[in-house]
Amino acid sequence: MPDQEDASTRLSAFALARRLISGIVALAKLEFQHGRQEIGAMVGEAGIGVAMVGAAIVAALISLATLDVAIVLGIAALFDALPDLVVAIIILIVFVGVLVVAVATGVGAARPPAWALGIGLLVAALLVAAFALPAYLGFRAGWHTALFVFTTQLLIAALIAWRGVRRIKVGPPEETIASVREEVAWAKRLMRRE
């Protein structure tokens, strides 16, 4: 009879080992499926960022193609009706406003580096010199107003593209990796008990 008990013990140990292996295989399949779902969610989020970059490119192309003639003519008429100092102040406010939005949107993740702020201030100063100073001095050409509107639209498109690029993040499936590590640790503990 002892041989028969040893045989049944071995048989049940083999059955347990077989069930354990099939359970591990099923768990690995589930984790693989979970990892695929997690990566799919990351790709979907990155798709939103890519769509934002695409929208920015379309906006830039529209501004390049048309320069929004109606807006240009409207602003030109407004600038003709306003005193020179007021026009210069409006131009200053527009460019400083774009710079403030650029800095404010960069604050979400981290503070922009000092060199980036310096470049932003330099660009804003150059744009003010190129547009506000001539307006203050009484220069009222339609092409100059069109160039002002075009530059503003291009800056806005660049901001949208920058925000879109910052949203594109694809990495390893962190949840799946953590879950697999927990299950491997669990399996090791289970194997040590037996």
Protein backbone atom coordinates (compact mmCIF):
# COMPACT_ATOMS: atom_id res chain seq x y z
CA MET A 1 0.00 0.00 0.00
CA PRO A 2 2.80 2.53 0.64
CA ASP A 3 3.73 2.31 -3.06
CA GLN A 4 0.17 3.11 -3.98
CA GLU A 5 0.14 6.17 -1.66
CA ASP A 6 3.43 7.40 -3.14
CA ALA A 7 2.03 6.97 -6.63
CA SER A 8 -1.17 8.89 -5.77
CA THR A 9 0.89 11.62 -4.07
CA ARG A 10 3.12 11.89 -7.13
CA LEU A 11 0.08 11.91 -9.37
CA SER A 12 -1.58 14.68 -7.36
CA ALA A 13 1.72 16.62 -7.29
CA PHE A 14 1.92 16.30 -11.09
CA ALA A 15 -1.71 17.38 -11.36
CA LEU A 16 -1.01 20.36 -9.12
CA ALA A 17 2.07 21.28 -11.13
CA ARG A 18 0.10 20.95 -14.37
CA ARG A 19 -2.70 23.17 -12.99
CA LEU A 20 -0.14 25.67 -11.74
CA ILE A 21 1.55 25.82 -15.14
CA SER A 22 -1.76 26.18 -16.98
CA GLY A 23 -2.78 28.89 -14.51
CA ILE A 24 0.49 30.73 -15.11
CA VAL A 25 0.02 30.47 -18.88
CA ALA A 26 -3.55 31.81 -18.59
CA LEU A 27 -2.32 34.63 -16.35
CA ALA A 28 0.46 35.49 -18.81
CA LYS A 29 -2.11 35.66 -21.62
CA LEU A 30 -4.29 37.99 -19.54
CA GLU A 31 -1.32 40.22 -18.70
CA PHE A 32 -0.32 40.35 -22.36
CA GLN A 33 -3.86 41.38 -23.26
CA HIS A 34 -3.87 43.99 -20.47
CA GLY A 35 -0.54 45.36 -21.72
CA ARG A 36 -1.92 45.66 -25.24
CA GLN A 37 -4.95 47.55 -23.91
CA GLU A 38 -2.74 49.88 -21.89
CA ILE A 39 -0.48 50.59 -24.86
CA GLY A 40 -3.60 51.17 -26.96
CA ALA A 41 -4.80 53.79 -24.48
CA MET A 42 -1.38 55.51 -24.61
CA VAL A 43 -1.44 55.51 -28.40
CA GLY A 44 -4.93 57.00 -28.28
CA GLU A 45 -3.72 59.84 -26.06
CA ALA A 46 -0.73 60.40 -28.33
CA GLY A 47 -3.20 60.50 -31.22
CA ILE A 48 -4.85 63.52 -29.63
CA GLY A 49 -1.48 65.28 -29.52
CA VAL A 50 -0.79 64.38 -33.15
CA ALA A 51 -4.23 65.68 -34.10
CA MET A 52 -3.44 68.95 -32.30
CA VAL A 53 -0.18 69.27 -34.24
CA GLY A 54 -2.09 68.55 -37.46
CA ALA A 55 -4.64 71.22 -36.58
CA ALA A 56 -1.81 73.67 -35.95
CA ILE A 57 -0.31 72.89 -39.35
CA VAL A 58 -3.67 73.40 -41.03
CA ALA A 59 -4.10 76.72 -39.20
CA ALA A 60 -0.64 77.82 -40.32
CA LEU A 61 -1.35 76.83 -43.93
CA ILE A 62 -4.66 78.68 -43.92
CA SER A 63 -2.96 81.78 -42.57
CA LEU A 64 -0.22 81.45 -45.20
CA ALA A 65 -2.70 80.93 -48.04
CA THR A 66 -5.21 83.64 -47.27
CA LEU A 67 -3.72 85.91 -44.62
CA ASP A 68 -7.32 86.37 -43.60
CA VAL A 69 -8.01 89.30 -45.88
CA ALA A 70 -11.17 90.34 -44.09
CA ILE A 71 -9.43 90.55 -40.71
CA VAL A 72 -6.54 92.45 -42.22
CA LEU A 73 -8.82 94.99 -43.82
CA GLY A 74 -10.81 95.37 -40.62
CA ILE A 75 -7.71 95.93 -38.51
CA ALA A 76 -6.30 98.32 -41.09
CA ALA A 77 -9.51 100.35 -40.93
CA LEU A 78 -9.42 100.31 -37.14
CA PHE A 79 -5.79 101.37 -37.06
CA ASP A 80 -6.57 104.24 -39.47
CA ALA A 81 -9.31 105.45 -37.15
CA LEU A 82 -7.24 105.31 -33.94
CA PRO A 83 -4.47 107.64 -32.79
CA ASP A 84 -0.92 106.44 -33.36
CA LEU A 85 -0.19 105.87 -29.66
CA VAL A 86 -3.30 103.70 -29.20
CA VAL A 87 -2.35 101.55 -32.21
CA ALA A 88 1.16 101.09 -30.82
CA ILE A 89 -0.30 100.09 -27.42
CA ILE A 90 -2.67 97.55 -29.04
CA ILE A 91 0.22 95.95 -30.92
CA LEU A 92 2.30 95.86 -27.74
CA ILE A 93 -0.57 94.20 -25.83
CA VAL A 94 -1.04 91.54 -28.53
CA PHE A 95 2.61 90.45 -28.57
CA VAL A 96 3.06 90.61 -24.81
CA GLY A 97 -0.21 88.65 -24.48
CA VAL A 98 1.09 85.89 -26.74
CA LEU A 99 4.30 85.76 -24.69
CA VAL A 100 2.31 85.55 -21.43
CA VAL A 101 0.19 82.70 -22.82
CA ALA A 102 3.35 80.88 -23.92
CA VAL A 103 4.85 81.19 -20.45
CA ALA A 104 1.57 80.29 -18.71
CA THR A 105 1.11 77.14 -20.78
CA GLY A 106 4.65 76.06 -19.99
CA VAL A 107 4.07 76.32 -16.25
CA GLY A 108 1.85 73.21 -16.16
CA ALA A 109 4.72 70.74 -16.29
CA ALA A 110 7.71 72.77 -15.23
CA ARG A 111 8.98 76.31 -15.18
CA PRO A 112 10.49 77.31 -18.53
CA PRO A 113 14.28 77.71 -18.49
CA ALA A 114 15.69 81.22 -18.23
CA TRP A 115 17.14 81.10 -21.75
CA ALA A 116 13.67 80.32 -23.17
CA LEU A 117 12.18 83.30 -21.33
CA GLY A 118 15.03 85.46 -22.61
CA ILE A 119 14.44 84.39 -26.19
CA GLY A 120 10.71 85.00 -25.76
CA LEU A 121 11.34 88.50 -24.47
CA LEU A 122 13.78 89.18 -27.31
CA VAL A 123 11.25 88.01 -29.92
CA ALA A 124 8.51 90.10 -28.31
CA ALA A 125 10.79 93.15 -28.28
CA LEU A 126 11.69 92.65 -31.94
CA LEU A 127 8.05 92.27 -32.91
CA VAL A 128 7.08 95.38 -30.96
CA ALA A 129 9.90 97.27 -32.68
CA ALA A 130 8.81 95.99 -36.08
CA PHE A 131 5.11 96.76 -35.64
CA ALA A 132 4.37 99.10 -32.73
CA LEU A 133 7.15 101.60 -33.40
CA PRO A 134 6.16 102.25 -37.04
CA ALA A 135 2.51 102.53 -35.96
CA TYR A 136 3.47 105.04 -33.27
CA LEU A 137 5.41 107.03 -35.86
CA GLY A 138 2.34 107.18 -38.12
CA PHE A 139 3.23 104.51 -40.68
CA ARG A 140 -0.15 103.19 -41.95
CA ALA A 141 0.42 100.76 -44.83
CA GLY A 142 -2.06 97.97 -45.55
CA TRP A 143 0.73 95.45 -46.12
CA HIS A 144 2.18 96.29 -42.69
CA THR A 145 -1.19 95.56 -41.03
CA ALA A 146 -1.44 92.32 -43.03
CA LEU A 147 2.02 91.32 -41.86
CA PHE A 148 1.03 92.06 -38.25
CA VAL A 149 -2.05 89.81 -38.49
CA PHE A 150 -0.06 87.08 -40.24
CA THR A 151 2.67 87.16 -37.56
CA THR A 152 0.11 86.98 -34.77
CA GLN A 153 -1.62 83.99 -36.39
CA LEU A 154 1.69 82.22 -36.89
CA LEU A 155 2.59 82.73 -33.22
CA ILE A 156 -0.77 81.28 -32.15
CA ALA A 157 -0.28 78.28 -34.46
CA ALA A 158 3.17 77.73 -32.95
CA LEU A 159 1.69 77.76 -29.44
CA ILE A 160 -0.94 75.18 -30.43
CA ALA A 161 1.72 72.97 -32.01
CA TRP A 162 3.91 73.26 -28.91
CA ARG A 163 1.04 72.22 -26.65
CA GLY A 164 0.23 69.32 -28.96
CA VAL A 165 3.81 68.06 -29.02
CA ARG A 166 3.93 68.16 -25.21
CA ARG A 167 0.89 65.84 -25.08
CA ILE A 168 2.58 63.14 -27.15
CA LYS A 169 4.00 60.70 -24.61
CA VAL A 170 4.35 56.99 -25.25
CA GLY A 171 6.19 54.71 -22.88
CA PRO A 172 6.15 51.23 -21.42
CA PRO A 173 2.86 49.94 -19.97
CA GLU A 174 3.57 50.77 -16.32
CA GLU A 175 0.43 49.14 -14.86
CA THR A 176 1.06 45.87 -16.67
CA ILE A 177 4.71 45.78 -15.62
CA ALA A 178 3.77 46.35 -11.97
CA SER A 179 1.05 43.71 -12.14
CA VAL A 180 3.39 41.12 -13.69
CA ARG A 181 6.01 41.83 -11.01
CA GLU A 182 3.43 41.27 -8.28
CA GLU A 183 2.32 38.01 -9.87
CA VAL A 184 5.90 36.75 -10.27
CA ALA A 185 6.54 37.54 -6.60
CA TRP A 186 3.32 35.72 -5.67
CA ALA A 187 4.32 32.68 -7.74
CA LYS A 188 7.77 32.61 -6.11
CA ARG A 189 6.22 32.72 -2.64
CA LEU A 190 3.84 29.93 -3.62
CA MET A 191 6.68 27.77 -4.96
CA ARG A 192 8.73 28.24 -1.76
CA ARG A 193 5.86 26.98 0.40
CA GLU A 194 5.76 23.64 -1.39
